[in-house]
N, C-alpha and C. Protein backbone atom coordinates (compact mmCIF):
# COMPACT_ATOMS: atom_id res chain seq x y z
N UNK A 1 0.85 -1.16 0.00
CA UNK A 1 0.00 0.00 0.00
C UNK A 1 0.90 1.22 0.00
N UNK A 2 0.56 2.20 -0.84
CA UNK A 2 1.35 3.41 -0.95
C UNK A 2 0.53 4.60 -0.46
N UNK A 3 1.19 5.44 0.31
CA UNK A 3 0.55 6.65 0.84
C UNK A 3 1.28 7.85 0.27
N UNK A 4 0.53 8.82 -0.20
CA UNK A 4 1.10 10.07 -0.69
C UNK A 4 0.58 11.19 0.19
N UNK A 5 1.47 12.09 0.62
CA UNK A 5 1.02 13.18 1.49
C UNK A 5 0.14 14.16 0.70
N UNK A 6 -0.49 15.08 1.42
CA UNK A 6 -1.51 15.96 0.84
C UNK A 6 -0.99 16.79 -0.33
N UNK A 7 0.25 17.24 -0.28
CA UNK A 7 0.75 18.08 -1.38
C UNK A 7 1.50 17.28 -2.45
N UNK A 8 1.52 15.94 -2.30
CA UNK A 8 2.11 15.09 -3.32
C UNK A 8 3.62 15.09 -3.39
N UNK A 9 4.29 15.58 -2.36
CA UNK A 9 5.75 15.68 -2.39
C UNK A 9 6.45 14.47 -1.79
N UNK A 10 5.70 13.63 -1.07
CA UNK A 10 6.34 12.50 -0.40
C UNK A 10 5.45 11.27 -0.50
N UNK A 11 6.07 10.16 -0.87
CA UNK A 11 5.35 8.89 -0.97
C UNK A 11 6.04 7.88 -0.06
N UNK A 12 5.23 7.07 0.61
CA UNK A 12 5.74 6.06 1.54
C UNK A 12 4.95 4.77 1.32
N UNK A 13 5.61 3.63 1.51
CA UNK A 13 4.93 2.34 1.39
C UNK A 13 4.74 1.72 2.77
N UNK A 14 3.59 1.07 2.97
CA UNK A 14 3.26 0.44 4.24
C UNK A 14 2.62 -0.92 3.97
N UNK A 15 2.70 -1.80 4.98
CA UNK A 15 2.05 -3.11 4.90
C UNK A 15 0.56 -3.01 5.17
N UNK A 16 0.16 -2.01 5.94
CA UNK A 16 -1.24 -1.81 6.29
C UNK A 16 -1.41 -0.43 6.91
N UNK A 17 -2.65 -0.02 7.06
CA UNK A 17 -2.91 1.31 7.61
C UNK A 17 -4.19 1.27 8.44
N UNK A 18 -4.18 2.00 9.55
CA UNK A 18 -5.37 2.20 10.36
C UNK A 18 -5.79 3.65 10.16
N UNK A 19 -7.01 3.86 9.72
CA UNK A 19 -7.54 5.21 9.55
C UNK A 19 -8.43 5.48 10.76
N UNK A 20 -7.91 6.29 11.66
CA UNK A 20 -8.60 6.57 12.93
C UNK A 20 -9.02 8.03 12.96
N UNK A 21 -10.06 8.32 12.21
CA UNK A 21 -10.62 9.67 12.12
C UNK A 21 -12.14 9.55 12.09
N UNK A 22 -12.82 10.69 12.07
CA UNK A 22 -14.26 10.67 11.84
C UNK A 22 -14.50 10.01 10.47
N UNK A 23 -15.62 9.32 10.30
CA UNK A 23 -15.85 8.61 9.04
C UNK A 23 -15.90 9.53 7.82
N UNK A 24 -16.43 10.75 7.96
CA UNK A 24 -16.44 11.66 6.81
C UNK A 24 -15.02 12.06 6.43
N UNK A 25 -14.13 12.21 7.43
CA UNK A 25 -12.73 12.53 7.16
C UNK A 25 -12.02 11.33 6.53
N UNK A 26 -12.34 10.12 7.02
CA UNK A 26 -11.75 8.91 6.44
C UNK A 26 -12.13 8.79 4.98
N UNK A 27 -13.38 9.02 4.67
CA UNK A 27 -13.86 8.93 3.29
C UNK A 27 -13.14 9.94 2.40
N UNK A 28 -12.93 11.14 2.91
CA UNK A 28 -12.24 12.17 2.14
C UNK A 28 -10.76 11.84 1.90
N UNK A 29 -10.17 11.00 2.76
CA UNK A 29 -8.77 10.62 2.62
C UNK A 29 -8.55 9.56 1.54
N UNK A 30 -9.59 8.84 1.19
CA UNK A 30 -9.45 7.73 0.26
C UNK A 30 -9.46 8.23 -1.18
N UNK A 31 -8.44 7.85 -1.94
CA UNK A 31 -8.35 8.27 -3.34
C UNK A 31 -9.45 7.63 -4.18
N UNK A 32 -9.78 6.39 -3.89
CA UNK A 32 -10.77 5.65 -4.68
C UNK A 32 -11.58 4.75 -3.74
N UNK A 33 -12.50 5.35 -2.95
CA UNK A 33 -13.27 4.53 -2.01
C UNK A 33 -14.16 3.52 -2.74
N UNK A 34 -14.29 2.36 -2.11
CA UNK A 34 -15.16 1.32 -2.66
C UNK A 34 -16.62 1.73 -2.44
N UNK A 35 -17.54 1.08 -3.15
CA UNK A 35 -18.96 1.37 -2.89
C UNK A 35 -19.34 1.12 -1.42
N UNK A 36 -18.80 0.06 -0.81
CA UNK A 36 -19.10 -0.21 0.60
C UNK A 36 -18.55 0.90 1.50
N UNK A 37 -17.33 1.36 1.23
CA UNK A 37 -16.77 2.46 2.03
C UNK A 37 -17.62 3.72 1.89
N UNK A 38 -18.05 4.02 0.68
CA UNK A 38 -18.91 5.20 0.46
C UNK A 38 -20.22 5.07 1.25
N UNK A 39 -20.82 3.90 1.16
CA UNK A 39 -22.12 3.68 1.80
C UNK A 39 -22.03 3.67 3.32
N UNK A 40 -21.08 2.90 3.86
CA UNK A 40 -20.98 2.74 5.31
C UNK A 40 -20.44 4.00 5.96
N UNK A 41 -19.31 4.50 5.50
CA UNK A 41 -18.73 5.71 6.10
C UNK A 41 -19.61 6.93 5.84
N UNK A 42 -20.29 6.94 4.71
CA UNK A 42 -21.17 8.06 4.37
C UNK A 42 -22.47 8.10 5.16
N UNK A 43 -22.75 7.05 5.92
CA UNK A 43 -24.00 7.00 6.71
C UNK A 43 -23.92 7.83 7.99
N UNK A 44 -22.72 8.30 8.35
CA UNK A 44 -22.55 9.01 9.62
C UNK A 44 -22.61 10.52 9.39
N UNK A 45 -23.39 11.17 10.24
CA UNK A 45 -23.47 12.64 10.24
C UNK A 45 -22.92 13.13 11.57
N UNK A 46 -22.52 14.37 11.59
CA UNK A 46 -21.98 14.98 12.80
C UNK A 46 -22.68 16.30 13.08
N UNK A 47 -22.78 16.63 14.35
CA UNK A 47 -23.31 17.94 14.74
C UNK A 47 -22.19 18.75 15.36
N UNK A 48 -22.19 20.04 15.09
CA UNK A 48 -21.21 20.94 15.70
C UNK A 48 -21.76 21.37 17.06
N UNK A 49 -20.92 21.31 18.07
CA UNK A 49 -21.33 21.71 19.42
C UNK A 49 -20.40 22.78 19.95
N UNK A 50 -20.98 23.95 20.24
CA UNK A 50 -20.22 25.00 20.92
C UNK A 50 -19.92 24.48 22.32
N UNK A 51 -18.67 24.57 22.73
CA UNK A 51 -18.23 23.99 24.00
C UNK A 51 -17.46 25.03 24.79
N UNK A 52 -17.76 25.11 26.08
CA UNK A 52 -17.11 26.09 26.94
C UNK A 52 -16.57 25.39 28.18
N UNK A 53 -15.29 25.63 28.47
CA UNK A 53 -14.69 25.21 29.73
C UNK A 53 -14.79 26.41 30.66
N UNK A 54 -15.38 26.20 31.84
CA UNK A 54 -15.64 27.34 32.72
C UNK A 54 -15.72 26.90 34.18
N UNK A 55 -15.96 27.88 35.04
CA UNK A 55 -16.08 27.62 36.49
C UNK A 55 -17.43 28.11 37.03
N UNK A 56 -18.41 28.29 36.16
CA UNK A 56 -19.73 28.82 36.55
C UNK A 56 -20.62 27.67 37.04
N UNK A 57 -20.78 27.55 38.35
CA UNK A 57 -21.60 26.47 38.93
C UNK A 57 -23.08 26.62 38.62
N UNK A 58 -23.50 27.78 38.14
CA UNK A 58 -24.91 27.99 37.81
C UNK A 58 -25.38 27.10 36.67
N UNK A 59 -24.45 26.50 35.94
CA UNK A 59 -24.83 25.60 34.85
C UNK A 59 -25.04 24.16 35.34
N UNK A 60 -24.81 23.93 36.61
CA UNK A 60 -25.07 22.64 37.24
C UNK A 60 -26.39 22.75 38.02
N UNK A 61 -27.03 21.63 38.33
CA UNK A 61 -28.27 21.70 39.13
C UNK A 61 -28.05 22.48 40.43
N UNK A 62 -29.05 23.25 40.81
CA UNK A 62 -28.94 24.10 42.00
C UNK A 62 -28.72 23.28 43.27
N UNK A 63 -29.38 22.13 43.38
CA UNK A 63 -29.22 21.27 44.55
C UNK A 63 -28.02 20.36 44.33
N UNK A 64 -27.00 20.52 45.13
CA UNK A 64 -25.75 19.78 44.91
C UNK A 64 -25.95 18.27 44.98
N UNK A 65 -26.90 17.80 45.77
CA UNK A 65 -27.10 16.35 45.91
C UNK A 65 -27.74 15.71 44.68
N UNK A 66 -28.25 16.50 43.74
CA UNK A 66 -28.79 15.92 42.51
C UNK A 66 -27.82 16.06 41.33
N UNK A 67 -26.69 16.68 41.57
CA UNK A 67 -25.70 16.84 40.51
C UNK A 67 -25.07 15.49 40.16
N UNK A 68 -24.75 15.35 38.89
CA UNK A 68 -24.09 14.15 38.40
C UNK A 68 -22.85 14.56 37.62
N UNK A 69 -22.11 13.59 37.16
CA UNK A 69 -20.96 13.91 36.31
C UNK A 69 -21.43 14.52 35.00
N UNK A 70 -22.56 14.02 34.48
CA UNK A 70 -23.16 14.56 33.27
C UNK A 70 -24.53 15.10 33.65
N UNK A 71 -24.77 16.38 33.36
CA UNK A 71 -26.03 17.03 33.70
C UNK A 71 -26.61 17.64 32.43
N UNK A 72 -27.89 17.41 32.19
CA UNK A 72 -28.48 17.99 30.99
C UNK A 72 -29.70 18.80 31.36
N UNK A 73 -29.98 19.77 30.51
CA UNK A 73 -31.18 20.59 30.64
C UNK A 73 -31.80 20.71 29.26
N UNK A 74 -33.06 20.36 29.17
CA UNK A 74 -33.81 20.47 27.92
C UNK A 74 -34.54 21.79 27.95
N UNK A 75 -34.32 22.63 26.95
CA UNK A 75 -34.90 23.97 26.98
C UNK A 75 -36.42 23.95 26.87
N UNK A 76 -36.96 22.94 26.20
CA UNK A 76 -38.40 22.87 26.01
C UNK A 76 -38.76 21.44 25.61
N UNK A 77 -39.99 21.09 25.80
CA UNK A 77 -40.45 19.76 25.38
C UNK A 77 -41.10 19.80 24.01
N UNK A 78 -41.02 20.92 23.33
CA UNK A 78 -41.61 21.02 22.00
C UNK A 78 -40.56 20.69 20.95
N UNK A 79 -41.00 20.17 19.84
CA UNK A 79 -40.08 19.83 18.75
C UNK A 79 -39.45 21.08 18.17
N UNK A 80 -40.13 22.23 18.25
CA UNK A 80 -39.60 23.46 17.69
C UNK A 80 -38.36 23.93 18.43
N UNK A 81 -38.27 23.65 19.72
CA UNK A 81 -37.10 24.07 20.50
C UNK A 81 -36.67 22.90 21.36
N UNK A 82 -35.91 21.99 20.76
CA UNK A 82 -35.51 20.80 21.49
C UNK A 82 -34.01 20.78 21.75
N UNK A 83 -33.38 21.95 21.83
CA UNK A 83 -31.95 21.97 22.08
C UNK A 83 -31.66 21.49 23.50
N UNK A 84 -30.60 20.74 23.60
CA UNK A 84 -30.20 20.17 24.88
C UNK A 84 -28.88 20.80 25.29
N UNK A 85 -28.83 21.26 26.53
CA UNK A 85 -27.58 21.77 27.10
C UNK A 85 -27.03 20.68 28.00
N UNK A 86 -25.76 20.35 27.81
CA UNK A 86 -25.11 19.35 28.64
C UNK A 86 -23.95 20.01 29.36
N UNK A 87 -23.87 19.79 30.68
CA UNK A 87 -22.75 20.30 31.47
C UNK A 87 -22.09 19.13 32.19
N UNK A 88 -20.81 18.96 31.92
CA UNK A 88 -20.02 17.90 32.54
C UNK A 88 -19.28 18.50 33.73
N UNK A 89 -19.45 17.93 34.89
CA UNK A 89 -18.73 18.37 36.07
C UNK A 89 -17.35 17.71 36.02
N UNK A 90 -16.39 18.42 35.45
CA UNK A 90 -15.06 17.86 35.25
C UNK A 90 -14.34 17.62 36.57
N UNK A 91 -14.66 18.41 37.58
CA UNK A 91 -14.04 18.21 38.89
C UNK A 91 -14.43 16.84 39.43
N UNK A 92 -15.67 16.49 39.24
CA UNK A 92 -16.16 15.18 39.68
C UNK A 92 -15.66 14.06 38.77
N UNK A 93 -15.77 14.26 37.46
CA UNK A 93 -15.37 13.22 36.50
C UNK A 93 -13.90 12.85 36.62
N UNK A 94 -13.06 13.87 36.81
CA UNK A 94 -11.62 13.61 36.84
C UNK A 94 -11.02 13.68 38.24
N UNK A 95 -11.91 13.76 39.22
CA UNK A 95 -11.48 13.80 40.63
C UNK A 95 -10.40 14.86 40.85
N UNK A 96 -10.70 16.08 40.39
CA UNK A 96 -9.74 17.17 40.53
C UNK A 96 -9.73 17.69 41.96
N UNK A 97 -8.55 17.96 42.50
CA UNK A 97 -8.46 18.46 43.87
C UNK A 97 -8.81 19.95 43.93
N UNK A 98 -9.11 20.43 45.10
CA UNK A 98 -9.34 21.85 45.31
C UNK A 98 -10.81 22.21 45.38
N UNK A 99 -11.06 23.47 45.71
CA UNK A 99 -12.41 23.95 45.92
C UNK A 99 -13.08 24.43 44.63
N UNK A 100 -12.30 24.76 43.63
CA UNK A 100 -12.85 25.28 42.38
C UNK A 100 -13.51 24.16 41.58
N UNK A 101 -14.69 24.44 41.03
CA UNK A 101 -15.42 23.49 40.20
C UNK A 101 -15.19 23.83 38.73
N UNK A 102 -14.71 22.86 37.97
CA UNK A 102 -14.51 23.03 36.53
C UNK A 102 -15.64 22.31 35.80
N UNK A 103 -16.22 23.02 34.84
CA UNK A 103 -17.39 22.51 34.11
C UNK A 103 -17.13 22.67 32.62
N UNK A 104 -17.56 21.70 31.82
CA UNK A 104 -17.58 21.81 30.37
C UNK A 104 -19.04 21.78 29.96
N UNK A 105 -19.47 22.83 29.26
CA UNK A 105 -20.87 22.93 28.85
C UNK A 105 -20.96 22.98 27.33
N UNK A 106 -21.88 22.18 26.79
CA UNK A 106 -22.15 22.16 25.35
C UNK A 106 -23.46 22.86 25.07
N UNK A 107 -23.49 23.60 23.99
CA UNK A 107 -24.70 24.18 23.42
C UNK A 107 -25.36 25.26 24.27
N UNK A 108 -24.58 26.06 24.94
CA UNK A 108 -25.12 27.17 25.72
C UNK A 108 -24.13 28.34 25.69
N UNK A 109 -23.81 28.85 24.49
CA UNK A 109 -22.74 29.85 24.39
C UNK A 109 -23.00 31.14 25.17
N UNK A 110 -24.25 31.49 25.39
CA UNK A 110 -24.55 32.74 26.10
C UNK A 110 -24.88 32.52 27.57
N UNK A 111 -24.96 31.28 28.02
CA UNK A 111 -25.42 30.99 29.37
C UNK A 111 -24.33 31.10 30.44
N UNK A 112 -23.08 31.06 30.03
CA UNK A 112 -21.98 31.08 30.99
C UNK A 112 -21.56 32.53 31.24
N UNK A 113 -21.47 32.90 32.50
CA UNK A 113 -21.02 34.25 32.86
C UNK A 113 -19.60 34.45 32.31
N UNK A 114 -19.37 35.53 31.57
CA UNK A 114 -18.07 35.74 30.91
C UNK A 114 -16.86 35.64 31.84
N UNK A 115 -17.00 36.09 33.07
CA UNK A 115 -15.87 36.07 34.00
C UNK A 115 -15.47 34.65 34.42
N UNK A 116 -16.33 33.67 34.11
CA UNK A 116 -16.04 32.27 34.47
C UNK A 116 -15.48 31.46 33.29
N UNK A 117 -15.46 32.06 32.09
CA UNK A 117 -15.02 31.33 30.90
C UNK A 117 -13.50 31.17 30.90
N UNK A 118 -13.05 29.93 30.71
CA UNK A 118 -11.62 29.63 30.59
C UNK A 118 -11.26 29.46 29.12
N UNK A 119 -12.09 28.74 28.36
CA UNK A 119 -11.82 28.50 26.94
C UNK A 119 -13.13 28.20 26.21
N UNK A 120 -13.16 28.54 24.93
CA UNK A 120 -14.28 28.21 24.05
C UNK A 120 -13.75 27.36 22.90
N UNK A 121 -14.49 26.29 22.56
CA UNK A 121 -14.10 25.39 21.49
C UNK A 121 -15.35 24.98 20.72
N UNK A 122 -15.14 24.34 19.59
CA UNK A 122 -16.24 23.75 18.85
C UNK A 122 -15.83 22.32 18.50
N UNK A 123 -16.70 21.38 18.80
CA UNK A 123 -16.42 19.97 18.54
C UNK A 123 -17.51 19.38 17.67
N UNK A 124 -17.12 18.39 16.87
CA UNK A 124 -18.09 17.64 16.07
C UNK A 124 -18.38 16.33 16.81
N UNK A 125 -19.66 16.06 17.05
CA UNK A 125 -20.07 14.83 17.72
C UNK A 125 -20.96 14.03 16.78
N UNK A 126 -20.85 12.70 16.81
CA UNK A 126 -21.66 11.88 15.93
C UNK A 126 -23.15 11.98 16.27
N UNK A 127 -23.96 11.91 15.22
CA UNK A 127 -25.42 11.88 15.37
C UNK A 127 -25.82 10.43 15.15
N UNK A 128 -26.44 9.84 16.16
CA UNK A 128 -26.86 8.45 16.04
C UNK A 128 -28.32 8.40 15.61
N UNK A 129 -28.50 7.93 14.39
CA UNK A 129 -29.83 7.77 13.82
C UNK A 129 -29.91 6.35 13.25
N UNK A 130 -31.07 5.93 12.75
CA UNK A 130 -31.17 4.55 12.25
C UNK A 130 -30.11 4.19 11.20
N UNK A 131 -29.77 5.13 10.31
CA UNK A 131 -28.79 4.83 9.26
C UNK A 131 -27.40 4.62 9.83
N UNK A 132 -26.98 5.47 10.77
CA UNK A 132 -25.63 5.32 11.32
C UNK A 132 -25.52 4.09 12.22
N UNK A 133 -26.57 3.81 12.97
CA UNK A 133 -26.55 2.62 13.84
C UNK A 133 -26.50 1.36 12.97
N UNK A 134 -27.24 1.33 11.88
CA UNK A 134 -27.17 0.18 10.97
C UNK A 134 -25.79 0.06 10.34
N UNK A 135 -25.18 1.18 10.00
CA UNK A 135 -23.85 1.17 9.39
C UNK A 135 -22.78 0.67 10.36
N UNK A 136 -22.97 0.91 11.66
CA UNK A 136 -22.00 0.43 12.64
C UNK A 136 -21.78 -1.08 12.53
N UNK A 137 -22.84 -1.81 12.28
CA UNK A 137 -22.72 -3.27 12.17
C UNK A 137 -21.91 -3.70 10.96
N UNK A 138 -21.77 -2.81 10.00
CA UNK A 138 -21.02 -3.14 8.78
C UNK A 138 -19.57 -2.65 8.82
N UNK A 139 -19.21 -1.87 9.84
CA UNK A 139 -17.86 -1.32 9.91
C UNK A 139 -16.76 -2.37 9.90
N UNK A 140 -16.88 -3.45 10.69
CA UNK A 140 -15.79 -4.46 10.67
C UNK A 140 -15.56 -5.05 9.28
N UNK A 141 -16.57 -5.10 8.46
CA UNK A 141 -16.44 -5.64 7.11
C UNK A 141 -15.59 -4.78 6.19
N UNK A 142 -15.35 -3.53 6.57
CA UNK A 142 -14.50 -2.66 5.76
C UNK A 142 -13.02 -2.98 5.96
N UNK A 143 -12.69 -3.59 7.10
CA UNK A 143 -11.29 -3.95 7.37
C UNK A 143 -10.92 -5.12 6.47
N UNK A 144 -9.97 -4.89 5.56
CA UNK A 144 -9.67 -5.89 4.54
C UNK A 144 -8.28 -6.51 4.63
N UNK A 145 -7.60 -6.32 5.76
CA UNK A 145 -6.25 -6.85 5.89
C UNK A 145 -5.18 -5.88 5.47
N UNK A 146 -5.54 -4.83 4.73
CA UNK A 146 -4.61 -3.76 4.36
C UNK A 146 -5.02 -2.44 5.00
N UNK A 147 -6.32 -2.21 5.03
CA UNK A 147 -6.87 -0.97 5.59
C UNK A 147 -7.83 -1.35 6.70
N UNK A 148 -7.74 -0.65 7.82
CA UNK A 148 -8.66 -0.87 8.93
C UNK A 148 -9.12 0.49 9.44
N UNK A 149 -10.31 0.52 9.99
CA UNK A 149 -10.91 1.77 10.46
C UNK A 149 -11.11 1.72 11.97
N UNK A 150 -10.92 2.87 12.60
CA UNK A 150 -11.12 2.97 14.05
C UNK A 150 -11.66 4.36 14.36
N UNK A 151 -12.35 4.45 15.47
CA UNK A 151 -12.88 5.73 15.94
C UNK A 151 -14.01 5.50 16.91
N UNK A 152 -14.34 6.53 17.64
CA UNK A 152 -15.40 6.43 18.64
C UNK A 152 -16.75 6.14 18.01
N UNK A 153 -16.91 6.43 16.72
CA UNK A 153 -18.17 6.16 16.02
C UNK A 153 -18.44 4.67 15.88
N UNK A 154 -17.47 3.82 16.20
CA UNK A 154 -17.68 2.37 16.20
C UNK A 154 -18.52 1.94 17.40
N UNK A 155 -18.72 2.84 18.35
CA UNK A 155 -19.56 2.60 19.52
C UNK A 155 -20.51 3.78 19.68
N UNK A 156 -20.60 4.29 20.90
CA UNK A 156 -21.53 5.39 21.18
C UNK A 156 -20.85 6.75 21.27
N UNK A 157 -19.63 6.85 20.72
CA UNK A 157 -18.96 8.14 20.64
C UNK A 157 -18.06 8.46 21.81
N UNK A 158 -17.88 7.53 22.72
CA UNK A 158 -17.02 7.77 23.87
C UNK A 158 -15.56 7.45 23.52
N UNK A 159 -14.64 8.06 24.26
CA UNK A 159 -13.22 7.81 24.04
C UNK A 159 -12.91 6.31 24.15
N UNK A 160 -13.55 5.65 25.09
CA UNK A 160 -13.33 4.22 25.27
C UNK A 160 -13.74 3.43 24.03
N UNK A 161 -14.78 3.90 23.33
CA UNK A 161 -15.20 3.25 22.10
C UNK A 161 -14.11 3.37 21.04
N UNK A 162 -13.47 4.54 20.98
CA UNK A 162 -12.38 4.74 20.04
C UNK A 162 -11.19 3.85 20.34
N UNK A 163 -10.88 3.69 21.61
CA UNK A 163 -9.78 2.82 22.04
C UNK A 163 -10.07 1.38 21.66
N UNK A 164 -11.27 0.93 21.97
CA UNK A 164 -11.67 -0.44 21.64
C UNK A 164 -11.61 -0.67 20.13
N UNK A 165 -12.06 0.32 19.34
CA UNK A 165 -12.03 0.20 17.89
C UNK A 165 -10.60 0.17 17.36
N UNK A 166 -9.69 0.90 18.01
CA UNK A 166 -8.28 0.88 17.61
C UNK A 166 -7.65 -0.48 17.82
N UNK A 167 -7.97 -1.10 18.94
CA UNK A 167 -7.46 -2.45 19.21
C UNK A 167 -8.01 -3.43 18.17
N UNK A 168 -9.31 -3.33 17.87
CA UNK A 168 -9.91 -4.23 16.88
C UNK A 168 -9.29 -4.00 15.49
N UNK A 169 -9.02 -2.74 15.14
CA UNK A 169 -8.39 -2.44 13.85
C UNK A 169 -7.01 -3.05 13.78
N UNK A 170 -6.22 -2.89 14.83
CA UNK A 170 -4.87 -3.48 14.85
C UNK A 170 -4.95 -5.00 14.76
N UNK A 171 -5.90 -5.60 15.45
CA UNK A 171 -6.06 -7.05 15.38
C UNK A 171 -6.44 -7.51 13.96
N UNK A 172 -7.24 -6.71 13.28
CA UNK A 172 -7.65 -7.08 11.92
C UNK A 172 -6.47 -7.05 10.96
N UNK A 173 -5.39 -6.34 11.33
CA UNK A 173 -4.18 -6.29 10.52
C UNK A 173 -3.12 -7.27 11.03
N UNK A 174 -3.49 -8.12 12.00
CA UNK A 174 -2.60 -9.12 12.52
C UNK A 174 -1.87 -8.74 13.78
N UNK A 175 -2.17 -7.56 14.32
CA UNK A 175 -1.53 -7.12 15.55
C UNK A 175 -2.06 -7.87 16.76
N UNK A 176 -1.27 -7.91 17.79
CA UNK A 176 -1.66 -8.56 19.05
C UNK A 176 -1.67 -7.53 20.14
N UNK A 177 -2.58 -7.65 21.04
CA UNK A 177 -2.68 -6.73 22.17
C UNK A 177 -2.32 -7.43 23.45
């Protein structure tokens, strides 16, 4: 298998390759994707999520005893306004020491008090719908002994899913863990 870099100035040969990116990015990397690669990798959509790292506890439930590592608030029960705000209590999730509470909030760019903002980012997260869930079952079939695919989209989008998919990809190329 031969790999050429993006500007075509360097070519390298490999026995196999693991493509560990979002499926739309993997598809864009392939010079001549097969019909199965187009169909399976093309079944995944992503949503952009505005993300803020901050110290504003007001984005967590008011009663501390009902707080969880993952906290969500649904703005409305109507289909017209079904945006979901998720706030991760990073202090709890990562067992951070100290009195300061660190929170990561998705989809609430105006809700965090500016003086509490540490960083703003935008992330793409997989959208799980019937087409993408059906495509997940076909992902292992794309691994052909030369090319293997890995990423969190092989599961429910968690980092652990990406790790598990990486191990499976390496195994499909003859690697041992």
